């Protein structure tokens, strides 16, 4: 199991689904652990009752069915599927409406879903906030996909405070295929965690929203430095650019375009 998890951590998101399927065939006795511990690129399903799209993940899965946050029904139908309590369901509905606004403001489209559930023990609950943004052909970019998974565990404490533990994973992949830029593929994932103790006077959604907003900013900066920055540094080290490559000469030119043009030379 440790070797399987080590392998999955090194797989690019574009190949993780095939790798997971192969591991499930090789290690059927570890299927439950693999499905619960391995983050996969998010898939989109349509809720036939509401007509809205929702995202699939392990946190809304029960067997081979997935619960929609819009109708609270499983697809395919499942009679005894796990359901949140009535109070938590109200919070889940409100979270989906608010997170859809957040998605539109920061991502200008895409898909989002929020799921909540109660652990087996303790006065606490957990929530999963999902965002998927796919970009078709645009400029040098042939295809780009951003998948964000934010899981928050909330523990109620004394004196009107709560302990929040946020674990966030972002999977990014992009491909260029253009005569002028050549073919180039970049994909990877990054996971970070943060904790905080906050007053619940403003409500759990306000606290969780601030944490997710802060974490997404940190993840975007980390991806820019780790993937784009290091890739650009490698390309410019291996292949000396024509002329003097300065920040002035690169103004207005996207980093993706720079990488693609240097590789194409």
C-alpha atoms as a PDB file:
ATOM      1  CA  UNK A   1       0.000   0.000   0.000  1.00  0.00           C
ATOM      2  CA  UNK A   2       2.831   2.417   0.813  1.00  0.00           C
ATOM      3  CA  UNK A   3       4.453   1.709  -2.571  1.00  0.00           C
ATOM      4  CA  UNK A   4       1.131   2.309  -4.335  1.00  0.00           C
ATOM      5  CA  UNK A   5       0.634   5.657  -2.592  1.00  0.00           C
ATOM      6  CA  UNK A   6       4.234   6.651  -3.373  1.00  0.00           C
ATOM      7  CA  UNK A   7       3.615   5.851  -7.043  1.00  0.00           C
ATOM      8  CA  UNK A   8       0.383   7.857  -7.161  1.00  0.00           C
ATOM      9  CA  UNK A   9       2.091  10.911  -5.639  1.00  0.00           C
ATOM     10  CA  UNK A  10       4.474  10.936  -8.607  1.00  0.00           C
ATOM     11  CA  UNK A  11       1.874  10.521 -11.325  1.00  0.00           C
ATOM     12  CA  UNK A  12       0.779  13.594 -13.301  1.00  0.00           C
ATOM     13  CA  UNK A  13      -2.961  14.324 -12.963  1.00  0.00           C
ATOM     14  CA  UNK A  14      -3.556  13.531 -16.622  1.00  0.00           C
ATOM     15  CA  UNK A  15      -2.452   9.923 -16.044  1.00  0.00           C
ATOM     16  CA  UNK A  16      -3.649   9.387 -12.465  1.00  0.00           C
ATOM     17  CA  UNK A  17      -7.001   7.861 -13.404  1.00  0.00           C
ATOM     18  CA  UNK A  18      -5.389   5.142 -15.555  1.00  0.00           C
ATOM     19  CA  UNK A  19      -2.761   4.511 -12.875  1.00  0.00           C
ATOM     20  CA  UNK A  20      -5.437   4.175 -10.184  1.00  0.00           C
ATOM     21  CA  UNK A  21      -7.469   1.756 -12.287  1.00  0.00           C
ATOM     22  CA  UNK A  22      -4.374  -0.404 -12.794  1.00  0.00           C
ATOM     23  CA  UNK A  23      -3.609  -0.374  -9.065  1.00  0.00           C
ATOM     24  CA  UNK A  24      -7.199  -1.337  -8.245  1.00  0.00           C
ATOM     25  CA  UNK A  25      -6.840  -4.323 -10.561  1.00  0.00           C
ATOM     26  CA  UNK A  26      -3.521  -5.317  -8.976  1.00  0.00           C
ATOM     27  CA  UNK A  27      -4.568  -4.653  -5.351  1.00  0.00           C
ATOM     28  CA  UNK A  28      -8.312  -5.343  -5.080  1.00  0.00           C
ATOM     29  CA  UNK A  29      -7.976  -5.901  -1.323  1.00  0.00           C
ATOM     30  CA  UNK A  30      -6.892  -2.251  -0.934  1.00  0.00           C
ATOM     31  CA  UNK A  31      -9.615  -0.765  -3.157  1.00  0.00           C
ATOM     32  CA  UNK A  32     -11.374   1.112  -0.342  1.00  0.00           C
ATOM     33  CA  UNK A  33      -8.125   2.669   0.926  1.00  0.00           C
ATOM     34  CA  UNK A  34      -6.970   3.679  -2.551  1.00  0.00           C
ATOM     35  CA  UNK A  35     -10.287   5.282  -3.486  1.00  0.00           C
ATOM     36  CA  UNK A  36     -10.438   7.246  -0.231  1.00  0.00           C
ATOM     37  CA  UNK A  37      -6.795   8.369  -0.094  1.00  0.00           C
ATOM     38  CA  UNK A  38      -5.983   9.180  -3.731  1.00  0.00           C
ATOM     39  CA  UNK A  39      -7.195  12.527  -5.092  1.00  0.00           C
ATOM     40  CA  UNK A  40      -8.404  12.243  -8.670  1.00  0.00           C
ATOM     41  CA  UNK A  41      -9.256  14.902 -11.254  1.00  0.00           C
ATOM     42  CA  UNK A  42     -12.869  15.871 -10.646  1.00  0.00           C
ATOM     43  CA  UNK A  43     -15.598  14.497 -12.884  1.00  0.00           C
ATOM     44  CA  UNK A  44     -18.853  16.263 -13.735  1.00  0.00           C
ATOM     45  CA  UNK A  45     -22.310  14.670 -13.529  1.00  0.00           C
ATOM     46  CA  UNK A  46     -25.762  16.097 -14.217  1.00  0.00           C
ATOM     47  CA  UNK A  47     -28.506  15.999 -11.598  1.00  0.00           C
ATOM     48  CA  UNK A  48     -31.536  14.817 -13.578  1.00  0.00           C
ATOM     49  CA  UNK A  49     -33.948  16.299 -11.005  1.00  0.00           C
ATOM     50  CA  UNK A  50     -32.547  19.830 -10.892  1.00  0.00           C
ATOM     51  CA  UNK A  51     -30.812  19.876 -14.278  1.00  0.00           C
ATOM     52  CA  UNK A  52     -27.635  21.248 -12.631  1.00  0.00           C
ATOM     53  CA  UNK A  53     -24.111  19.859 -12.851  1.00  0.00           C
ATOM     54  CA  UNK A  54     -22.319  18.598  -9.756  1.00  0.00           C
ATOM     55  CA  UNK A  55     -18.821  17.276  -9.087  1.00  0.00           C
ATOM     56  CA  UNK A  56     -17.933  13.714  -8.143  1.00  0.00           C
ATOM     57  CA  UNK A  57     -15.453  12.836  -5.430  1.00  0.00           C
ATOM     58  CA  UNK A  58     -14.992  10.320  -2.629  1.00  0.00           C
ATOM     59  CA  UNK A  59     -16.827  12.580  -0.164  1.00  0.00           C
ATOM     60  CA  UNK A  60     -20.198  12.310  -1.934  1.00  0.00           C
ATOM     61  CA  UNK A  61     -19.747   8.677  -2.992  1.00  0.00           C
ATOM     62  CA  UNK A  62     -21.588   5.726  -1.491  1.00  0.00           C
ATOM     63  CA  UNK A  63     -20.760   2.508  -3.298  1.00  0.00           C
ATOM     64  CA  UNK A  64     -21.024   3.309  -7.008  1.00  0.00           C
ATOM     65  CA  UNK A  65     -23.474   6.199  -6.535  1.00  0.00           C
ATOM     66  CA  UNK A  66     -22.832   9.900  -5.964  1.00  0.00           C
ATOM     67  CA  UNK A  67     -25.019  12.338  -4.025  1.00  0.00           C
ATOM     68  CA  UNK A  68     -26.000  15.604  -5.671  1.00  0.00           C
ATOM     69  CA  UNK A  69     -25.815  18.716  -3.467  1.00  0.00           C
ATOM     70  CA  UNK A  70     -28.774  20.217  -5.341  1.00  0.00           C
ATOM     71  CA  UNK A  71     -31.453  17.528  -4.895  1.00  0.00           C
ATOM     72  CA  UNK A  72     -29.743  15.518  -2.127  1.00  0.00           C
ATOM     73  CA  UNK A  73     -30.379  12.377  -4.206  1.00  0.00           C
ATOM     74  CA  UNK A  74     -27.931   9.736  -5.361  1.00  0.00           C
ATOM     75  CA  UNK A  75     -27.088   9.041  -8.992  1.00  0.00           C
ATOM     76  CA  UNK A  76     -27.602   6.217  -9.858  1.00  0.00           C
ATOM     77  CA  UNK A  77     -30.425   5.941  -7.273  1.00  0.00           C
ATOM     78  CA  UNK A  78     -29.471   4.464  -3.905  1.00  0.00           C
ATOM     79  CA  UNK A  79     -32.103   3.797  -1.267  1.00  0.00           C
ATOM     80  CA  UNK A  80     -30.000   3.739   1.898  1.00  0.00           C
ATOM     81  CA  UNK A  81     -27.225   6.158   0.961  1.00  0.00           C
ATOM     82  CA  UNK A  82     -25.580   8.288   3.655  1.00  0.00           C
ATOM     83  CA  UNK A  83     -27.260  11.656   4.229  1.00  0.00           C
ATOM     84  CA  UNK A  84     -26.335  14.708   6.334  1.00  0.00           C
ATOM     85  CA  UNK A  85     -28.580  15.703   9.206  1.00  0.00           C
ATOM     86  CA  UNK A  86     -31.353  18.219   8.496  1.00  0.00           C
ATOM     87  CA  UNK A  87     -29.408  21.026  10.212  1.00  0.00           C
ATOM     88  CA  UNK A  88     -26.212  20.234   8.342  1.00  0.00           C
ATOM     89  CA  UNK A  89     -28.131  19.901   5.089  1.00  0.00           C
ATOM     90  CA  UNK A  90     -29.385  23.495   5.464  1.00  0.00           C
ATOM     91  CA  UNK A  91     -25.792  24.639   5.923  1.00  0.00           C
ATOM     92  CA  UNK A  92     -24.742  22.603   2.873  1.00  0.00           C
ATOM     93  CA  UNK A  93     -27.403  24.217   0.676  1.00  0.00           C
ATOM     94  CA  UNK A  94     -26.338  27.696   1.793  1.00  0.00           C
ATOM     95  CA  UNK A  95     -22.658  26.828   1.233  1.00  0.00           C
ATOM     96  CA  UNK A  96     -23.329  25.706  -2.354  1.00  0.00           C
ATOM     97  CA  UNK A  97     -25.111  28.961  -3.191  1.00  0.00           C
ATOM     98  CA  UNK A  98     -22.342  31.103  -1.666  1.00  0.00           C
ATOM     99  CA  UNK A  99     -19.510  29.047  -3.163  1.00  0.00           C
ATOM    100  CA  UNK A 100     -21.066  29.345  -6.629  1.00  0.00           C
ATOM    101  CA  UNK A 101     -20.745  33.135  -6.300  1.00  0.00           C
ATOM    102  CA  UNK A 102     -17.122  32.751  -5.154  1.00  0.00           C
ATOM    103  CA  UNK A 103     -16.422  30.513  -8.167  1.00  0.00           C
ATOM    104  CA  UNK A 104     -17.897  32.988 -10.643  1.00  0.00           C
ATOM    105  CA  UNK A 105     -15.971  35.926  -9.167  1.00  0.00           C
ATOM    106  CA  UNK A 106     -12.582  34.193  -9.009  1.00  0.00           C
ATOM    107  CA  UNK A 107     -12.797  31.700 -11.876  1.00  0.00           C
ATOM    108  CA  UNK A 108     -15.349  33.304 -14.215  1.00  0.00           C
ATOM    109  CA  UNK A 109     -17.204  30.034 -14.691  1.00  0.00           C
ATOM    110  CA  UNK A 110     -16.546  26.356 -14.182  1.00  0.00           C
ATOM    111  CA  UNK A 111     -18.241  23.998 -11.724  1.00  0.00           C
ATOM    112  CA  UNK A 112     -18.408  23.887  -7.941  1.00  0.00           C
ATOM    113  CA  UNK A 113     -19.947  21.637  -5.293  1.00  0.00           C
ATOM    114  CA  UNK A 114     -19.948  21.559  -1.499  1.00  0.00           C
ATOM    115  CA  UNK A 115     -20.607  18.442   0.582  1.00  0.00           C
ATOM    116  CA  UNK A 116     -20.940  18.126   4.352  1.00  0.00           C
ATOM    117  CA  UNK A 117     -21.131  15.179   6.711  1.00  0.00           C
ATOM    118  CA  UNK A 118     -20.822  14.237  10.385  1.00  0.00           C
ATOM    119  CA  UNK A 119     -17.999  12.003  11.581  1.00  0.00           C
ATOM    120  CA  UNK A 120     -18.941   8.889  13.528  1.00  0.00           C
ATOM    121  CA  UNK A 121     -18.027  10.401  16.892  1.00  0.00           C
ATOM    122  CA  UNK A 122     -17.700  13.797  18.522  1.00  0.00           C
ATOM    123  CA  UNK A 123     -19.441  17.148  18.317  1.00  0.00           C
ATOM    124  CA  UNK A 124     -18.011  18.133  14.950  1.00  0.00           C
ATOM    125  CA  UNK A 125     -18.577  18.025  11.202  1.00  0.00           C
ATOM    126  CA  UNK A 126     -16.573  18.101   7.982  1.00  0.00           C
ATOM    127  CA  UNK A 127     -17.017  19.799   4.622  1.00  0.00           C
ATOM    128  CA  UNK A 128     -15.548  19.434   1.151  1.00  0.00           C
ATOM    129  CA  UNK A 129     -15.431  22.390  -1.256  1.00  0.00           C
ATOM    130  CA  UNK A 130     -14.746  21.502  -4.895  1.00  0.00           C
ATOM    131  CA  UNK A 131     -13.976  23.651  -7.942  1.00  0.00           C
ATOM    132  CA  UNK A 132     -13.290  22.536 -11.493  1.00  0.00           C
ATOM    133  CA  UNK A 133     -12.375  24.958 -14.262  1.00  0.00           C
ATOM    134  CA  UNK A 134     -11.628  23.739 -17.762  1.00  0.00           C
ATOM    135  CA  UNK A 135     -10.344  25.989 -20.504  1.00  0.00           C
ATOM    136  CA  UNK A 136     -10.575  25.137 -24.181  1.00  0.00           C
ATOM    137  CA  UNK A 137      -8.297  26.460 -26.861  1.00  0.00           C
ATOM    138  CA  UNK A 138      -7.185  30.009 -26.123  1.00  0.00           C
ATOM    139  CA  UNK A 139      -4.114  31.610 -27.668  1.00  0.00           C
ATOM    140  CA  UNK A 140      -1.188  29.202 -27.315  1.00  0.00           C
ATOM    141  CA  UNK A 141      -3.156  27.071 -24.859  1.00  0.00           C
ATOM    142  CA  UNK A 142      -4.906  24.084 -26.384  1.00  0.00           C
ATOM    143  CA  UNK A 143      -6.379  22.764 -23.145  1.00  0.00           C
ATOM    144  CA  UNK A 144      -6.103  23.616 -19.462  1.00  0.00           C
ATOM    145  CA  UNK A 145      -7.777  22.123 -16.369  1.00  0.00           C
ATOM    146  CA  UNK A 146      -7.753  23.300 -12.752  1.00  0.00           C
ATOM    147  CA  UNK A 147      -9.168  21.000 -10.041  1.00  0.00           C
ATOM    148  CA  UNK A 148      -9.295  22.254  -6.442  1.00  0.00           C
ATOM    149  CA  UNK A 149     -10.298  20.099  -3.462  1.00  0.00           C
ATOM    150  CA  UNK A 150     -10.645  21.735  -0.034  1.00  0.00           C
ATOM    151  CA  UNK A 151     -11.512  19.504   2.922  1.00  0.00           C
ATOM    152  CA  UNK A 152     -12.225  21.186   6.268  1.00  0.00           C
ATOM    153  CA  UNK A 153     -12.669  19.412   9.587  1.00  0.00           C
ATOM    154  CA  UNK A 154     -14.512  21.511  12.154  1.00  0.00           C
ATOM    155  CA  UNK A 155     -14.306  20.759  15.862  1.00  0.00           C
ATOM    156  CA  UNK A 156     -16.617  22.713  18.161  1.00  0.00           C
ATOM    157  CA  UNK A 157     -14.824  24.050  21.246  1.00  0.00           C
ATOM    158  CA  UNK A 158     -15.900  25.853  24.392  1.00  0.00           C
ATOM    159  CA  UNK A 159     -16.679  29.570  24.721  1.00  0.00           C
ATOM    160  CA  UNK A 160     -18.045  30.023  21.200  1.00  0.00           C
ATOM    161  CA  UNK A 161     -14.952  28.983  19.245  1.00  0.00           C
ATOM    162  CA  UNK A 162     -14.176  26.221  16.778  1.00  0.00           C
ATOM    163  CA  UNK A 163     -11.023  24.539  15.542  1.00  0.00           C
ATOM    164  CA  UNK A 164     -10.692  24.357  11.749  1.00  0.00           C
ATOM    165  CA  UNK A 165      -8.261  22.071   9.908  1.00  0.00           C
ATOM    166  CA  UNK A 166      -8.090  22.715   6.157  1.00  0.00           C
ATOM    167  CA  UNK A 167      -6.376  20.361   3.708  1.00  0.00           C
ATOM    168  CA  UNK A 168      -6.253  21.647   0.134  1.00  0.00           C
ATOM    169  CA  UNK A 169      -5.132  19.956  -3.071  1.00  0.00           C
ATOM    170  CA  UNK A 170      -4.884  21.585  -6.486  1.00  0.00           C
ATOM    171  CA  UNK A 171      -4.315  19.602  -9.678  1.00  0.00           C
ATOM    172  CA  UNK A 172      -3.289  21.560 -12.752  1.00  0.00           C
ATOM    173  CA  UNK A 173      -2.676  20.458 -16.327  1.00  0.00           C
ATOM    174  CA  UNK A 174      -2.161  22.427 -19.515  1.00  0.00           C
ATOM    175  CA  UNK A 175      -1.209  21.563 -23.081  1.00  0.00           C
ATOM    176  CA  UNK A 176      -0.125  23.619 -26.060  1.00  0.00           C
ATOM    177  CA  UNK A 177      -0.229  22.361 -29.616  1.00  0.00           C
ATOM    178  CA  UNK A 178       0.388  25.101 -32.116  1.00  0.00           C
ATOM    179  CA  UNK A 179       2.567  25.413 -35.183  1.00  0.00           C
ATOM    180  CA  UNK A 180       4.281  28.500 -33.823  1.00  0.00           C
ATOM    181  CA  UNK A 181       4.681  27.293 -30.229  1.00  0.00           C
ATOM    182  CA  UNK A 182       5.088  23.553 -30.668  1.00  0.00           C
ATOM    183  CA  UNK A 183       3.712  20.872 -28.366  1.00  0.00           C
ATOM    184  CA  UNK A 184       4.178  21.242 -24.645  1.00  0.00           C
ATOM    185  CA  UNK A 185       2.472  19.594 -21.665  1.00  0.00           C
ATOM    186  CA  UNK A 186       2.725  20.634 -18.016  1.00  0.00           C
ATOM    187  CA  UNK A 187       0.809  19.000 -15.179  1.00  0.00           C
ATOM    188  CA  UNK A 188       1.165  18.422 -11.462  1.00  0.00           C
ATOM    189  CA  UNK A 189      -0.503  18.688  -8.085  1.00  0.00           C
ATOM    190  CA  UNK A 190       0.221  20.378  -4.789  1.00  0.00           C
ATOM    191  CA  UNK A 191      -1.214  19.826  -1.293  1.00  0.00           C
ATOM    192  CA  UNK A 192      -1.054  22.155   1.699  1.00  0.00           C
ATOM    193  CA  UNK A 193      -2.642  22.245   5.152  1.00  0.00           C
ATOM    194  CA  UNK A 194      -3.502  24.979   7.625  1.00  0.00           C
ATOM    195  CA  UNK A 195      -5.291  25.151  10.980  1.00  0.00           C
ATOM    196  CA  UNK A 196      -7.010  27.950  12.876  1.00  0.00           C
ATOM    197  CA  UNK A 197      -9.096  28.572  15.985  1.00  0.00           C
ATOM    198  CA  UNK A 198     -11.839  31.133  15.326  1.00  0.00           C
ATOM    199  CA  UNK A 199     -14.926  32.563  16.919  1.00  0.00           C
ATOM    200  CA  UNK A 200     -18.163  31.239  15.444  1.00  0.00           C
ATOM    201  CA  UNK A 201     -19.958  34.553  15.968  1.00  0.00           C
ATOM    202  CA  UNK A 202     -19.873  35.225  12.206  1.00  0.00           C
ATOM    203  CA  UNK A 203     -20.816  31.640  11.349  1.00  0.00           C
ATOM    204  CA  UNK A 204     -18.893  28.629  10.078  1.00  0.00           C
ATOM    205  CA  UNK A 205     -19.279  29.532   6.404  1.00  0.00           C
ATOM    206  CA  UNK A 206     -17.608  32.894   6.899  1.00  0.00           C
ATOM    207  CA  UNK A 207     -14.661  31.296   8.691  1.00  0.00           C
ATOM    208  CA  UNK A 208     -14.264  28.485   6.166  1.00  0.00           C
ATOM    209  CA  UNK A 209     -14.571  30.894   3.251  1.00  0.00           C
ATOM    210  CA  UNK A 210     -11.752  33.111   4.548  1.00  0.00           C
ATOM    211  CA  UNK A 211      -9.491  30.085   5.018  1.00  0.00           C
ATOM    212  CA  UNK A 212     -10.176  28.757   1.504  1.00  0.00           C
ATOM    213  CA  UNK A 213      -9.629  32.188  -0.043  1.00  0.00           C
ATOM    214  CA  UNK A 214      -6.287  32.569   1.735  1.00  0.00           C
ATOM    215  CA  UNK A 215      -5.199  29.026   0.898  1.00  0.00           C
ATOM    216  CA  UNK A 216      -6.042  29.348  -2.796  1.00  0.00           C
ATOM    217  CA  UNK A 217      -3.903  32.462  -3.020  1.00  0.00           C
ATOM    218  CA  UNK A 218      -0.970  30.598  -1.475  1.00  0.00           C
ATOM    219  CA  UNK A 219      -1.463  27.613  -3.783  1.00  0.00           C
ATOM    220  CA  UNK A 220      -1.556  29.788  -6.898  1.00  0.00           C
ATOM    221  CA  UNK A 221       1.684  31.471  -5.869  1.00  0.00           C
ATOM    222  CA  UNK A 222       3.303  28.112  -5.101  1.00  0.00           C
ATOM    223  CA  UNK A 223       2.277  26.674  -8.469  1.00  0.00           C
ATOM    224  CA  UNK A 224       3.620  29.741 -10.241  1.00  0.00           C
ATOM    225  CA  UNK A 225       6.992  29.391  -8.500  1.00  0.00           C
ATOM    226  CA  UNK A 226       7.313  25.591  -8.519  1.00  0.00           C
ATOM    227  CA  UNK A 227       5.901  24.614 -11.905  1.00  0.00           C
ATOM    228  CA  UNK A 228       6.063  27.680 -14.123  1.00  0.00           C
ATOM    229  CA  UNK A 229       9.089  29.312 -12.537  1.00  0.00           C
ATOM    230  CA  UNK A 230      11.218  26.162 -12.325  1.00  0.00           C
ATOM    231  CA  UNK A 231      10.226  25.022 -15.819  1.00  0.00           C
ATOM    232  CA  UNK A 232      11.143  28.411 -17.276  1.00  0.00           C
ATOM    233  CA  UNK A 233      14.453  28.336 -15.393  1.00  0.00           C
ATOM    234  CA  UNK A 234      15.253  24.861 -16.753  1.00  0.00           C
ATOM    235  CA  UNK A 235      14.356  25.761 -20.326  1.00  0.00           C
ATOM    236  CA  UNK A 236      16.434  28.937 -20.314  1.00  0.00           C
ATOM    237  CA  UNK A 237      19.362  27.068 -18.726  1.00  0.00           C
ATOM    238  CA  UNK A 238      19.336  24.226 -21.261  1.00  0.00           C
ATOM    239  CA  UNK A 239      18.665  26.385 -24.304  1.00  0.00           C
ATOM    240  CA  UNK A 240      20.204  29.827 -24.471  1.00  0.00           C
ATOM    241  CA  UNK A 241      17.621  32.268 -25.794  1.00  0.00           C
ATOM    242  CA  UNK A 242      18.260  34.411 -28.825  1.00  0.00           C
ATOM    243  CA  UNK A 243      19.178  37.888 -27.701  1.00  0.00           C
ATOM    244  CA  UNK A 244      19.060  39.137 -24.149  1.00  0.00           C
ATOM    245  CA  UNK A 245      16.057  37.770 -22.279  1.00  0.00           C
ATOM    246  CA  UNK A 246      15.056  40.405 -19.726  1.00  0.00           C
ATOM    247  CA  UNK A 247      11.946  41.202 -17.798  1.00  0.00           C
ATOM    248  CA  UNK A 248      11.433  44.185 -20.072  1.00  0.00           C
ATOM    249  CA  UNK A 249      11.521  42.075 -23.208  1.00  0.00           C
ATOM    250  CA  UNK A 250       9.025  39.670 -21.647  1.00  0.00           C
ATOM    251  CA  UNK A 251       6.495  42.297 -20.591  1.00  0.00           C
ATOM    252  CA  UNK A 252       3.052  41.449 -21.882  1.00  0.00           C
ATOM    253  CA  UNK A 253       4.106  37.918 -22.831  1.00  0.00           C
ATOM    254  CA  UNK A 254       2.600  35.141 -20.756  1.00  0.00           C
ATOM    255  CA  UNK A 255       4.852  32.632 -19.054  1.00  0.00           C
ATOM    256  CA  UNK A 256       3.239  29.787 -20.951  1.00  0.00           C
ATOM    257  CA  UNK A 257       4.060  31.488 -24.245  1.00  0.00           C
ATOM    258  CA  UNK A 258       7.668  32.035 -23.154  1.00  0.00           C
ATOM    259  CA  UNK A 259       8.157  28.379 -22.228  1.00  0.00           C
ATOM    260  CA  UNK A 260       6.543  27.143 -25.426  1.00  0.00           C
ATOM    261  CA  UNK A 261       8.521  29.494 -27.658  1.00  0.00           C
ATOM    262  CA  UNK A 262      11.836  28.555 -26.041  1.00  0.00           C
ATOM    263  CA  UNK A 263      11.165  24.839 -26.437  1.00  0.00           C
ATOM    264  CA  UNK A 264      10.157  25.288 -30.054  1.00  0.00           C
ATOM    265  CA  UNK A 265      13.487  26.859 -31.021  1.00  0.00           C
END
